Amino acid sequence: MRTTIEIRDEHRARLLDLAARRGEKGFSGLIAEAIEHFLAEHEHDREARSLALAARGSLNAEEAEALERATRAIREHWR
């Protein structure tokens, strides 16, 4: 399906450059690839949120406290 989108000049130039390096005439394929990637990532995030919400309340107080301690310890050593 044909449609019109507005993009910045510098994005167009970079897309054309990448398409040329891939041996493609235009950048429609790159846009389709980017959309697929975005939608897949969005779906993954949605599923992760659903799983996290489903787990809500599944830890008892002792398990929750242990998880919180472990998380704090990891964050202390985080770069």
PDB file of N, CA and C in Angstrom:
ATOM      1  N   MET A   1       0.842  -1.173   0.000  1.00  0.00           N
ATOM      2  CA  MET A   1       0.000   0.000   0.000  1.00  0.00           C
ATOM      3  C   MET A   1       0.891   1.242   0.000  1.00  0.00           C
ATOM      4  N   ARG A   2       0.539   2.179  -0.803  1.00  0.00           N
ATOM      5  CA  ARG A   2       1.298   3.431  -0.849  1.00  0.00           C
ATOM      6  C   ARG A   2       0.711   4.395   0.175  1.00  0.00           C
ATOM      7  N   THR A   3       1.616   5.128   0.821  1.00  0.00           N
ATOM      8  CA  THR A   3       1.188   6.148   1.771  1.00  0.00           C
ATOM      9  C   THR A   3       2.258   7.227   1.809  1.00  0.00           C
ATOM     10  N   THR A   4       1.964   8.310   2.449  1.00  0.00           N
ATOM     11  CA  THR A   4       2.912   9.408   2.560  1.00  0.00           C
ATOM     12  C   THR A   4       3.270   9.612   4.017  1.00  0.00           C
ATOM     13  N   ILE A   5       4.562   9.733   4.280  1.00  0.00           N
ATOM     14  CA  ILE A   5       5.020  10.062   5.626  1.00  0.00           C
ATOM     15  C   ILE A   5       5.988  11.225   5.507  1.00  0.00           C
ATOM     16  N   GLU A   6       6.151  11.942   6.575  1.00  0.00           N
ATOM     17  CA  GLU A   6       7.122  13.028   6.595  1.00  0.00           C
ATOM     18  C   GLU A   6       8.307  12.603   7.436  1.00  0.00           C
ATOM     19  N   ILE A   7       9.501  12.749   6.868  1.00  0.00           N
ATOM     20  CA  ILE A   7      10.724  12.434   7.593  1.00  0.00           C
ATOM     21  C   ILE A   7      11.699  13.598   7.419  1.00  0.00           C
ATOM     22  N   ARG A   8      12.645  13.653   8.318  1.00  0.00           N
ATOM     23  CA  ARG A   8      13.661  14.705   8.222  1.00  0.00           C
ATOM     24  C   ARG A   8      14.582  14.447   7.036  1.00  0.00           C
ATOM     25  N   ASP A   9      15.129  15.515   6.511  1.00  0.00           N
ATOM     26  CA  ASP A   9      16.038  15.405   5.370  1.00  0.00           C
ATOM     27  C   ASP A   9      17.218  14.490   5.687  1.00  0.00           C
ATOM     28  N   GLU A  10      17.780  14.634   6.896  1.00  0.00           N
ATOM     29  CA  GLU A  10      18.946  13.815   7.238  1.00  0.00           C
ATOM     30  C   GLU A  10      18.583  12.332   7.351  1.00  0.00           C
ATOM     31  N   HIS A  11      17.351  12.023   7.789  1.00  0.00           N
ATOM     32  CA  HIS A  11      16.921  10.621   7.852  1.00  0.00           C
ATOM     33  C   HIS A  11      16.768  10.063   6.438  1.00  0.00           C
ATOM     34  N   ARG A  12      16.197  10.857   5.547  1.00  0.00           N
ATOM     35  CA  ARG A  12      16.034  10.424   4.155  1.00  0.00           C
ATOM     36  C   ARG A  12      17.395  10.125   3.527  1.00  0.00           C
ATOM     37  N   ALA A  13      18.348  11.024   3.760  1.00  0.00           N
ATOM     38  CA  ALA A  13      19.681  10.826   3.189  1.00  0.00           C
ATOM     39  C   ALA A  13      20.325   9.550   3.730  1.00  0.00           C
ATOM     40  N   ARG A  14      20.192   9.327   5.016  1.00  0.00           N
ATOM     41  CA  ARG A  14      20.791   8.128   5.621  1.00  0.00           C
ATOM     42  C   ARG A  14      20.096   6.861   5.137  1.00  0.00           C
ATOM     43  N   LEU A  15      18.764   6.927   4.986  1.00  0.00           N
ATOM     44  CA  LEU A  15      18.034   5.768   4.478  1.00  0.00           C
ATOM     45  C   LEU A  15      18.431   5.460   3.037  1.00  0.00           C
ATOM     46  N   LEU A  16      18.546   6.482   2.218  1.00  0.00           N
ATOM     47  CA  LEU A  16      18.963   6.272   0.827  1.00  0.00           C
ATOM     48  C   LEU A  16      20.370   5.683   0.760  1.00  0.00           C
ATOM     49  N   ASP A  17      21.258   6.164   1.619  1.00  0.00           N
ATOM     50  CA  ASP A  17      22.619   5.648   1.664  1.00  0.00           C
ATOM     51  C   ASP A  17      22.622   4.169   2.052  1.00  0.00           C
ATOM     52  N   LEU A  18      21.865   3.831   3.088  1.00  0.00           N
ATOM     53  CA  LEU A  18      21.804   2.438   3.528  1.00  0.00           C
ATOM     54  C   LEU A  18      21.187   1.555   2.455  1.00  0.00           C
ATOM     55  N   ALA A  19      20.120   2.022   1.836  1.00  0.00           N
ATOM     56  CA  ALA A  19      19.479   1.256   0.769  1.00  0.00           C
ATOM     57  C   ALA A  19      20.462   1.017  -0.381  1.00  0.00           C
ATOM     58  N   ALA A  20      21.220   2.037  -0.749  1.00  0.00           N
ATOM     59  CA  ALA A  20      22.194   1.901  -1.834  1.00  0.00           C
ATOM     60  C   ALA A  20      23.256   0.865  -1.472  1.00  0.00           C
ATOM     61  N   ARG A  21      23.708   0.887  -0.223  1.00  0.00           N
ATOM     62  CA  ARG A  21      24.706  -0.104   0.210  1.00  0.00           C
ATOM     63  C   ARG A  21      24.149  -1.513   0.179  1.00  0.00           C
ATOM     64  N   ARG A  22      22.838  -1.644   0.315  1.00  0.00           N
ATOM     65  CA  ARG A  22      22.190  -2.953   0.237  1.00  0.00           C
ATOM     66  C   ARG A  22      21.820  -3.326  -1.197  1.00  0.00           C
ATOM     67  N   GLY A  23      22.056  -2.404  -2.109  1.00  0.00           N
ATOM     68  CA  GLY A  23      21.730  -2.659  -3.511  1.00  0.00           C
ATOM     69  C   GLY A  23      20.261  -2.437  -3.835  1.00  0.00           C
ATOM     70  N   GLU A  24      19.575  -1.658  -3.008  1.00  0.00           N
ATOM     71  CA  GLU A  24      18.163  -1.361  -3.231  1.00  0.00           C
ATOM     72  C   GLU A  24      18.026   0.038  -3.827  1.00  0.00           C
ATOM     73  N   LYS A  25      16.996   0.228  -4.661  1.00  0.00           N
ATOM     74  CA  LYS A  25      16.805   1.524  -5.303  1.00  0.00           C
ATOM     75  C   LYS A  25      16.219   2.564  -4.350  1.00  0.00           C
ATOM     76  N   GLY A  26      15.266   2.174  -3.542  1.00  0.00           N
ATOM     77  CA  GLY A  26      14.620   3.097  -2.610  1.00  0.00           C
ATOM     78  C   GLY A  26      14.704   2.548  -1.202  1.00  0.00           C
ATOM     79  N   PHE A  27      14.024   3.220  -0.291  1.00  0.00           N
ATOM     80  CA  PHE A  27      14.127   2.774   1.096  1.00  0.00           C
ATOM     81  C   PHE A  27      12.819   2.211   1.652  1.00  0.00           C
ATOM     82  N   SER A  28      11.879   1.860   0.789  1.00  0.00           N
ATOM     83  CA  SER A  28      10.618   1.274   1.253  1.00  0.00           C
ATOM     84  C   SER A  28      10.854  -0.008   2.045  1.00  0.00           C
ATOM     85  N   GLY A  29      11.783  -0.826   1.593  1.00  0.00           N
ATOM     86  CA  GLY A  29      12.092  -2.064   2.300  1.00  0.00           C
ATOM     87  C   GLY A  29      12.639  -1.806   3.686  1.00  0.00           C
ATOM     88  N   LEU A  30      13.455  -0.762   3.807  1.00  0.00           N
ATOM     89  CA  LEU A  30      14.004  -0.401   5.109  1.00  0.00           C
ATOM     90  C   LEU A  30      12.905   0.078   6.050  1.00  0.00           C
ATOM     91  N   ILE A  31      11.974   0.847   5.518  1.00  0.00           N
ATOM     92  CA  ILE A  31      10.865   1.335   6.337  1.00  0.00           C
ATOM     93  C   ILE A  31      10.007   0.164   6.794  1.00  0.00           C
ATOM     94  N   ALA A  32       9.729  -0.780   5.896  1.00  0.00           N
ATOM     95  CA  ALA A  32       8.942  -1.961   6.265  1.00  0.00           C
ATOM     96  C   ALA A  32       9.657  -2.760   7.346  1.00  0.00           C
ATOM     97  N   GLU A  33      10.965  -2.912   7.202  1.00  0.00           N
ATOM     98  CA  GLU A  33      11.772  -3.628   8.198  1.00  0.00           C
ATOM     99  C   GLU A  33      11.722  -2.917   9.555  1.00  0.00           C
ATOM    100  N   ALA A  34      11.828  -1.602   9.537  1.00  0.00           N
ATOM    101  CA  ALA A  34      11.786  -0.821  10.775  1.00  0.00           C
ATOM    102  C   ALA A  34      10.418  -0.943  11.449  1.00  0.00           C
ATOM    103  N   ILE A  35       9.359  -0.923  10.664  1.00  0.00           N
ATOM    104  CA  ILE A  35       8.007  -1.056  11.215  1.00  0.00           C
ATOM    105  C   ILE A  35       7.834  -2.434  11.848  1.00  0.00           C
ATOM    106  N   GLU A  36       8.286  -3.476  11.143  1.00  0.00           N
ATOM    107  CA  GLU A  36       8.193  -4.835  11.692  1.00  0.00           C
ATOM    108  C   GLU A  36       8.945  -4.928  13.013  1.00  0.00           C
ATOM    109  N   HIS A  37      10.147  -4.361  13.057  1.00  0.00           N
ATOM    110  CA  HIS A  37      10.947  -4.390  14.276  1.00  0.00           C
ATOM    111  C   HIS A  37      10.223  -3.650  15.406  1.00  0.00           C
ATOM    112  N   PHE A  38       9.702  -2.473  15.118  1.00  0.00           N
ATOM    113  CA  PHE A  38       8.994  -1.681  16.116  1.00  0.00           C
ATOM    114  C   PHE A  38       7.782  -2.432  16.649  1.00  0.00           C
ATOM    115  N   LEU A  39       6.978  -3.000  15.753  1.00  0.00           N
ATOM    116  CA  LEU A  39       5.775  -3.708  16.187  1.00  0.00           C
ATOM    117  C   LEU A  39       6.111  -4.950  16.997  1.00  0.00           C
ATOM    118  N   ALA A  40       7.150  -5.687  16.610  1.00  0.00           N
ATOM    119  CA  ALA A  40       7.566  -6.872  17.363  1.00  0.00           C
ATOM    120  C   ALA A  40       8.049  -6.472  18.753  1.00  0.00           C
ATOM    121  N   GLU A  41       8.824  -5.410  18.838  1.00  0.00           N
ATOM    122  CA  GLU A  41       9.327  -4.936  20.127  1.00  0.00           C
ATOM    123  C   GLU A  41       8.171  -4.469  21.013  1.00  0.00           C
ATOM    124  N   HIS A  42       7.213  -3.780  20.411  1.00  0.00           N
ATOM    125  CA  HIS A  42       6.040  -3.320  21.157  1.00  0.00           C
ATOM    126  C   HIS A  42       5.260  -4.521  21.698  1.00  0.00           C
ATOM    127  N   GLU A  43       5.081  -5.542  20.894  1.00  0.00           N
ATOM    128  CA  GLU A  43       4.369  -6.751  21.321  1.00  0.00           C
ATOM    129  C   GLU A  43       5.124  -7.446  22.446  1.00  0.00           C
ATOM    130  N   HIS A  44       6.450  -7.520  22.317  1.00  0.00           N
ATOM    131  CA  HIS A  44       7.275  -8.136  23.361  1.00  0.00           C
ATOM    132  C   HIS A  44       7.113  -7.374  24.675  1.00  0.00           C
ATOM    133  N   ASP A  45       7.159  -6.044  24.620  1.00  0.00           N
ATOM    134  CA  ASP A  45       6.991  -5.215  25.820  1.00  0.00           C
ATOM    135  C   ASP A  45       5.613  -5.427  26.441  1.00  0.00           C
ATOM    136  N   ARG A  46       4.589  -5.513  25.599  1.00  0.00           N
ATOM    137  CA  ARG A  46       3.222  -5.713  26.087  1.00  0.00           C
ATOM    138  C   ARG A  46       3.101  -7.060  26.796  1.00  0.00           C
ATOM    139  N   GLU A  47       3.689  -8.099  26.193  1.00  0.00           N
ATOM    140  CA  GLU A  47       3.646  -9.420  26.808  1.00  0.00           C
ATOM    141  C   GLU A  47       4.417  -9.451  28.123  1.00  0.00           C
ATOM    142  N   ALA A  48       5.571  -8.779  28.176  1.00  0.00           N
ATOM    143  CA  ALA A  48       6.365  -8.729  29.400  1.00  0.00           C
ATOM    144  C   ALA A  48       5.592  -8.023  30.504  1.00  0.00           C
ATOM    145  N   ARG A  49       4.912  -6.926  30.166  1.00  0.00           N
ATOM    146  CA  ARG A  49       4.104  -6.221  31.164  1.00  0.00           C
ATOM    147  C   ARG A  49       2.969  -7.107  31.663  1.00  0.00           C
ATOM    148  N   SER A  50       2.331  -7.830  30.755  1.00  0.00           N
ATOM    149  CA  SER A  50       1.236  -8.717  31.149  1.00  0.00           C
ATOM    150  C   SER A  50       1.727  -9.802  32.095  1.00  0.00           C
ATOM    151  N   LEU A  51       2.886 -10.388  31.779  1.00  0.00           N
ATOM    152  CA  LEU A  51       3.449 -11.419  32.654  1.00  0.00           C
ATOM    153  C   LEU A  51       3.803 -10.854  34.023  1.00  0.00           C
ATOM    154  N   ALA A  52       4.380  -9.663  34.034  1.00  0.00           N
ATOM    155  CA  ALA A  52       4.740  -9.035  35.302  1.00  0.00           C
ATOM    156  C   ALA A  52       3.501  -8.740  36.130  1.00  0.00           C
ATOM    157  N   LEU A  53       2.462  -8.240  35.501  1.00  0.00           N
ATOM    158  CA  LEU A  53       1.226  -7.947  36.233  1.00  0.00           C
ATOM    159  C   LEU A  53       0.550  -9.214  36.720  1.00  0.00           C
ATOM    160  N   ALA A  54       0.654 -10.292  35.939  1.00  0.00           N
ATOM    161  CA  ALA A  54       0.064 -11.566  36.356  1.00  0.00           C
ATOM    162  C   ALA A  54       0.787 -12.130  37.581  1.00  0.00           C
ATOM    163  N   ALA A  55       2.071 -11.805  37.716  1.00  0.00           N
ATOM    164  CA  ALA A  55       2.854 -12.306  38.846  1.00  0.00           C
ATOM    165  C   ALA A  55       2.638 -11.482  40.107  1.00  0.00           C
ATOM    166  N   ARG A  56       1.991 -10.356  39.982  1.00  0.00           N
ATOM    167  CA  ARG A  56       1.766  -9.467  41.124  1.00  0.00           C
ATOM    168  C   ARG A  56       1.072 -10.232  42.253  1.00  0.00           C
ATOM    169  N   GLY A  57       1.678 -10.125  43.435  1.00  0.00           N
ATOM    170  CA  GLY A  57       1.097 -10.772  44.600  1.00  0.00           C
ATOM    171  C   GLY A  57       1.429 -12.243  44.738  1.00  0.00           C
ATOM    172  N   SER A  58       2.272 -12.778  43.855  1.00  0.00           N
ATOM    173  CA  SER A  58       2.575 -14.211  43.898  1.00  0.00           C
ATOM    174  C   SER A  58       3.705 -14.545  44.863  1.00  0.00           C
ATOM    175  N   LEU A  59       4.420 -13.537  45.363  1.00  0.00           N
ATOM    176  CA  LEU A  59       5.481 -13.774  46.344  1.00  0.00           C
ATOM    177  C   LEU A  59       4.932 -13.552  47.752  1.00  0.00           C
ATOM    178  N   ASN A  60       5.383 -14.397  48.663  1.00  0.00           N
ATOM    179  CA  ASN A  60       5.009 -14.127  50.049  1.00  0.00           C
ATOM    180  C   ASN A  60       5.952 -13.046  50.573  1.00  0.00           C
ATOM    181  N   ALA A  61       5.720 -12.569  51.769  1.00  0.00           N
ATOM    182  CA  ALA A  61       6.495 -11.449  52.324  1.00  0.00           C
ATOM    183  C   ALA A  61       7.979 -11.765  52.395  1.00  0.00           C
ATOM    184  N   GLU A  62       8.320 -12.983  52.788  1.00  0.00           N
ATOM    185  CA  GLU A  62       9.738 -13.373  52.902  1.00  0.00           C
ATOM    186  C   GLU A  62      10.416 -13.391  51.536  1.00  0.00           C
ATOM    187  N   GLU A  63       9.736 -13.944  50.526  1.00  0.00           N
ATOM    188  CA  GLU A  63      10.286 -13.978  49.170  1.00  0.00           C
ATOM    189  C   GLU A  63      10.442 -12.567  48.609  1.00  0.00           C
ATOM    190  N   ALA A  64       9.468 -11.726  48.854  1.00  0.00           N
ATOM    191  CA  ALA A  64       9.522 -10.343  48.373  1.00  0.00           C
ATOM    192  C   ALA A  64      10.701  -9.603  48.998  1.00  0.00           C
ATOM    193  N   GLU A  65      10.908  -9.810  50.288  1.00  0.00           N
ATOM    194  CA  GLU A  65      12.019  -9.158  50.978  1.00  0.00           C
ATOM    195  C   GLU A  65      13.362  -9.652  50.442  1.00  0.00           C
ATOM    196  N   ALA A  66      13.478 -10.945  50.186  1.00  0.00           N
ATOM    197  CA  ALA A  66      14.713 -11.510  49.635  1.00  0.00           C
ATOM    198  C   ALA A  66      14.982 -10.950  48.243  1.00  0.00           C
ATOM    199  N   LEU A  67      13.941 -10.837  47.442  1.00  0.00           N
ATOM    200  CA  LEU A  67      14.098 -10.272  46.102  1.00  0.00           C
ATOM    201  C   LEU A  67      14.530  -8.816  46.176  1.00  0.00           C
ATOM    202  N   GLU A  68      13.946  -8.068  47.091  1.00  0.00           N
ATOM    203  CA  GLU A  68      14.317  -6.656  47.249  1.00  0.00           C
ATOM    204  C   GLU A  68      15.776  -6.518  47.681  1.00  0.00           C
ATOM    205  N   ARG A  69      16.227  -7.359  48.602  1.00  0.00           N
ATOM    206  CA  ARG A  69      17.640  -7.332  49.038  1.00  0.00           C
ATOM    207  C   ARG A  69      18.571  -7.653  47.867  1.00  0.00           C
ATOM    208  N   ALA A  70      18.218  -8.669  47.102  1.00  0.00           N
ATOM    209  CA  ALA A  70      19.050  -9.062  45.961  1.00  0.00           C
ATOM    210  C   ALA A  70      19.101  -7.942  44.926  1.00  0.00           C
ATOM    211  N   THR A  71      17.985  -7.302  44.693  1.00  0.00           N
ATOM    212  CA  THR A  71      17.934  -6.198  43.727  1.00  0.00           C
ATOM    213  C   THR A  71      18.794  -5.034  44.196  1.00  0.00           C
ATOM    214  N   ARG A  72      18.717  -4.702  45.482  1.00  0.00           N
ATOM    215  CA  ARG A  72      19.560  -3.624  46.019  1.00  0.00           C
ATOM    216  C   ARG A  72      21.042  -3.965  45.856  1.00  0.00           C
ATOM    217  N   ALA A  73      21.408  -5.219  46.143  1.00  0.00           N
ATOM    218  CA  ALA A  73      22.811  -5.638  46.026  1.00  0.00           C
ATOM    219  C   ALA A  73      23.295  -5.513  44.584  1.00  0.00           C
ATOM    220  N   ILE A  74      22.468  -5.898  43.653  1.00  0.00           N
ATOM    221  CA  ILE A  74      22.833  -5.790  42.235  1.00  0.00           C
ATOM    222  C   ILE A  74      23.011  -4.324  41.849  1.00  0.00           C
ATOM    223  N   ARG A  75      22.099  -3.476  42.296  1.00  0.00           N
ATOM    224  CA  ARG A  75      22.170  -2.046  41.949  1.00  0.00           C
ATOM    225  C   ARG A  75      23.391  -1.363  42.556  1.00  0.00           C
ATOM    226  N   GLU A  76      23.849  -1.833  43.701  1.00  0.00           N
ATOM    227  CA  GLU A  76      25.038  -1.252  44.332  1.00  0.00           C
ATOM    228  C   GLU A  76      26.273  -1.470  43.476  1.00  0.00           C
ATOM    229  N   HIS A  77      26.302  -2.557  42.736  1.00  0.00           N
ATOM    230  CA  HIS A  77      27.467  -2.880  41.914  1.00  0.00           C
ATOM    231  C   HIS A  77      27.275  -2.546  40.441  1.00  0.00           C
ATOM    232  N   TRP A  78      26.145  -1.922  40.131  1.00  0.00           N
ATOM    233  CA  TRP A  78      25.832  -1.558  38.752  1.00  0.00           C
ATOM    234  C   TRP A  78      26.747  -0.407  38.315  1.00  0.00           C
ATOM    235  N   ARG A  79      27.164  -0.422  37.118  1.00  0.00           N
ATOM    236  CA  ARG A  79      28.072   0.619  36.614  1.00  0.00           C
ATOM    237  C   ARG A  79      27.402   1.933  36.507  1.00  0.00           C
TER     238      ARG A  79
END
